[in-house]
Every structure is written in C-alpha cells, then in structure tokens.
C-alpha atoms as a PDB file:
ATOM      1  CA  MET A   1       0.000   0.000   0.000  1.00  0.00           C
ATOM      2  CA  ARG A   2       1.372   3.400  -0.965  1.00  0.00           C
ATOM      3  CA  LYS A   3       1.599   5.980   1.780  1.00  0.00           C
ATOM      4  CA  SER A   4       0.240   9.492   1.616  1.00  0.00           C
ATOM      5  CA  TYR A   5       2.269  12.691   1.844  1.00  0.00           C
ATOM      6  CA  GLY A   6       1.571  15.755   3.941  1.00  0.00           C
ATOM      7  CA  LEU A   7       3.416  18.889   2.864  1.00  0.00           C
ATOM      8  CA  ILE A   8       3.919  22.231   4.529  1.00  0.00           C
ATOM      9  CA  GLU A   9       5.958  25.225   3.493  1.00  0.00           C
ATOM     10  CA  ILE A  10       6.979  27.700   6.164  1.00  0.00           C
ATOM     11  CA  SER A  11       9.377  30.600   6.558  1.00  0.00           C
ATOM     12  CA  GLY A  12      12.544  29.763   8.512  1.00  0.00           C
ATOM     13  CA  VAL A  13      14.371  26.673   9.699  1.00  0.00           C
ATOM     14  CA  VAL A  14      13.419  27.137  13.368  1.00  0.00           C
ATOM     15  CA  ALA A  15       9.736  27.468  12.481  1.00  0.00           C
ATOM     16  CA  ALA A  16      10.027  24.409  10.225  1.00  0.00           C
ATOM     17  CA  LEU A  17      11.516  22.277  12.992  1.00  0.00           C
ATOM     18  CA  ASP A  18       8.815  23.462  15.374  1.00  0.00           C
ATOM     19  CA  ALA A  19       6.126  22.585  12.806  1.00  0.00           C
ATOM     20  CA  LEU A  20       7.691  19.166  12.187  1.00  0.00           C
ATOM     21  CA  ASP A  21       7.641  18.469  15.927  1.00  0.00           C
ATOM     22  CA  ILE A  22       3.984  19.474  16.090  1.00  0.00           C
ATOM     23  CA  MET A  23       3.135  17.235  13.113  1.00  0.00           C
ATOM     24  CA  CYS A  24       4.938  14.177  14.494  1.00  0.00           C
ATOM     25  CA  LYS A  25       3.343  14.585  17.928  1.00  0.00           C
ATOM     26  CA  ALA A  26      -0.142  15.143  16.502  1.00  0.00           C
ATOM     27  CA  ALA A  27      -0.322  12.009  14.349  1.00  0.00           C
ATOM     28  CA  ASP A  28       1.480   8.826  13.354  1.00  0.00           C
ATOM     29  CA  VAL A  29       3.639  10.379  10.625  1.00  0.00           C
ATOM     30  CA  THR A  30       7.353  10.313   9.861  1.00  0.00           C
ATOM     31  CA  LEU A  31       9.598  12.776   8.092  1.00  0.00           C
ATOM     32  CA  ALA A  32      10.050  11.747   4.467  1.00  0.00           C
ATOM     33  CA  THR A  33      12.231  14.673   3.407  1.00  0.00           C
ATOM     34  CA  TRP A  34      12.703  18.405   3.591  1.00  0.00           C
ATOM     35  CA  GLU A  35      13.968  21.135   1.295  1.00  0.00           C
ATOM     36  CA  ARG A  36      15.454  24.534   2.086  1.00  0.00           C
ATOM     37  CA  LYS A  37      15.185  27.355  -0.406  1.00  0.00           C
ATOM     38  CA  LEU A  38      16.369  30.956  -0.335  1.00  0.00           C
ATOM     39  CA  GLY A  39      19.098  30.163   2.179  1.00  0.00           C
ATOM     40  CA  GLY A  40      16.670  28.527   4.600  1.00  0.00           C
ATOM     41  CA  ARG A  41      14.195  31.378   4.533  1.00  0.00           C
ATOM     42  CA  LEU A  42      11.644  29.009   2.985  1.00  0.00           C
ATOM     43  CA  VAL A  43      11.458  25.388   4.115  1.00  0.00           C
ATOM     44  CA  THR A  44       9.274  22.567   2.790  1.00  0.00           C
ATOM     45  CA  ILE A  45       8.604  19.623   5.100  1.00  0.00           C
ATOM     46  CA  ILE A  46       7.148  16.371   3.716  1.00  0.00           C
ATOM     47  CA  VAL A  47       5.809  13.779   6.142  1.00  0.00           C
ATOM     48  CA  GLU A  48       4.357  10.413   5.265  1.00  0.00           C
ATOM     49  CA  GLY A  49       1.765   8.092   6.753  1.00  0.00           C
ATOM     50  CA  ASP A  50      -1.798   7.113   6.075  1.00  0.00           C
ATOM     51  CA  VAL A  51      -4.077   9.817   4.687  1.00  0.00           C
ATOM     52  CA  ALA A  52      -5.898  10.459   7.975  1.00  0.00           C
ATOM     53  CA  ALA A  53      -2.618  10.841   9.850  1.00  0.00           C
ATOM     54  CA  VAL A  54      -1.006  13.213   7.361  1.00  0.00           C
ATOM     55  CA  THR A  55      -4.200  15.276   7.214  1.00  0.00           C
ATOM     56  CA  ALA A  56      -4.253  15.552  11.013  1.00  0.00           C
ATOM     57  CA  ALA A  57      -0.551  16.452  11.052  1.00  0.00           C
ATOM     58  CA  VAL A  58      -0.922  19.203   8.455  1.00  0.00           C
ATOM     59  CA  GLU A  59      -3.970  20.636  10.234  1.00  0.00           C
ATOM     60  CA  ALA A  60      -2.092  20.621  13.562  1.00  0.00           C
ATOM     61  CA  ALA A  61       0.815  22.522  11.990  1.00  0.00           C
ATOM     62  CA  LYS A  62      -1.610  25.051  10.498  1.00  0.00           C
ATOM     63  CA  ALA A  63      -3.204  25.627  13.891  1.00  0.00           C
ATOM     64  CA  ARG A  64      -0.159  25.658  16.175  1.00  0.00           C
ATOM     65  CA  ALA A  65       3.017  26.525  14.247  1.00  0.00           C
ATOM     66  CA  ILE A  66       4.962  29.545  15.527  1.00  0.00           C
ATOM     67  CA  LYS A  67       4.643  31.185  12.105  1.00  0.00           C
ATOM     68  CA  PRO A  68       1.818  31.020   9.573  1.00  0.00           C
ATOM     69  CA  LEU A  69       2.320  28.406   6.876  1.00  0.00           C
ATOM     70  CA  VAL A  70       3.116  29.706   3.415  1.00  0.00           C
ATOM     71  CA  SER A  71       1.407  26.693   1.847  1.00  0.00           C
ATOM     72  CA  SER A  72       0.227  23.190   2.730  1.00  0.00           C
ATOM     73  CA  GLY A  73      -1.302  20.133   1.149  1.00  0.00           C
ATOM     74  CA  VAL A  74      -2.049  16.439   1.414  1.00  0.00           C
ATOM     75  CA  ILE A  75      -1.418  13.958  -1.376  1.00  0.00           C
ATOM     76  CA  ALA A  76      -3.385  10.764  -0.876  1.00  0.00           C
ATOM     77  CA  ASN A  77      -2.127   7.800  -2.892  1.00  0.00           C
ATOM     78  CA  PRO A  78       0.616   9.738  -4.694  1.00  0.00           C
ATOM     79  CA  HIS A  79       1.444   8.952  -8.316  1.00  0.00           C
ATOM     80  CA  GLU A  80       4.637   6.964  -8.889  1.00  0.00           C
ATOM     81  CA  GLU A  81       6.352  10.047 -10.359  1.00  0.00           C
ATOM     82  CA  THR A  82       5.554  12.000  -7.200  1.00  0.00           C
ATOM     83  CA  VAL A  83       6.970   9.166  -5.086  1.00  0.00           C
ATOM     84  CA  ALA A  84      10.098   9.130  -7.267  1.00  0.00           C
ATOM     85  CA  GLN A  85      10.598  12.879  -6.748  1.00  0.00           C
ATOM     86  CA  VAL A  86      10.277  12.521  -2.960  1.00  0.00           C
ATOM     87  CA  LYS A  87      12.783   9.633  -3.037  1.00  0.00           C
ATOM     88  CA  ARG A  88      15.246  11.793  -4.988  1.00  0.00           C
ATOM     89  CA  SER A  89      14.965  14.385  -2.252  1.00  0.00           C
ATOM     90  CA  MET A  90      15.334  11.704   0.450  1.00  0.00           C
ATOM     91  CA  ARG A  91      18.681  10.586  -0.941  1.00  0.00           C
ATOM     92  CA  ARG A  92      20.278  13.777   0.327  1.00  0.00           C
ATOM     93  CA  PHE A  93      20.089  12.624   3.931  1.00  0.00           C
ATOM     94  CA  ARG A  94      19.235   8.905   3.939  1.00  0.00           C
ATOM     95  CA  SER A  95      21.354   5.981   2.841  1.00  0.00           C
ATOM     96  CA  ALA A  96      20.307   3.677   0.009  1.00  0.00           C
ATOM     97  CA  GLU A  97      19.910   0.888   2.590  1.00  0.00           C
ATOM     98  CA  GLU A  98      17.473   2.954   4.658  1.00  0.00           C
ATOM     99  CA  ILE A  99      15.382   3.784   1.595  1.00  0.00           C
ATOM    100  CA  GLU A 100      15.364   0.136   0.517  1.00  0.00           C
ATOM    101  CA  LYS A 101      14.229  -0.937   4.011  1.00  0.00           C
ATOM    102  CA  MET A 102      11.389   1.585   3.855  1.00  0.00           C
ATOM    103  CA  GLU A 103      10.308   0.309   0.441  1.00  0.00           C
ATOM    104  CA  THR A 104      10.388  -3.315   1.661  1.00  0.00           C
ATOM    105  CA  ALA A 105       8.292  -2.422   4.702  1.00  0.00           C
ATOM    106  CA  ASP A 106       5.709  -0.708   2.465  1.00  0.00           C
ATOM    107  CA  ALA A 107       5.348  -3.728   0.159  1.00  0.00           C
END
C-alpha cells in the first residue's frame, strides 16, 4: 500500500523544525524529506503516513506553528512520479539501505 504525503511550506528553519515536531506529535507520521530554499528562509517539510494521519498532522501545523504556513497540502495515494521525486529528495540525507528498508516495509 502506498503511503500518503503531507506537505507544509513555512518561513525559517526554526519554524520548520517546530512545525515538524507538532506534526509528528499530533499524528502517526514520519519525516520523508525536507527542502530549504532561499538560504533557509523558505522550508518545505514532507511527512508520510496514512491519509488520515497526514491530514491531522498538516492541520495541527496550520493551527499551532509559531509562524503562519506559506502553503500546505495532502497527497493521498501519490502517483509513482511523485513518489520518485520525494525519493530523490530523500537521498540527500538517507542511505540507500534505509530507503530500501522503507520500500520493503511498504510492500
């Protein structure tokens, strides 16, 4: 079963880490990847889990983050090209073995 993705974009690394903490505490989600743009002034966080969990996590970040979110979204049952893009981003901070383990667990 393919997982769902919850995405938030927020201004600043500190605010992003705070929002990630809120998301992970609010629901059964894990960090898939993150991207920093504009020298860290804009940060995208992508969490994964089942659609209800990622929805709850995104809503919790919207409600309680220390800064307003720039953007947010939930992708239920992402297309294989979307999954491939997230995996490309993951490779920046996860080993090939970790990614393979995650894929095996999802199968």
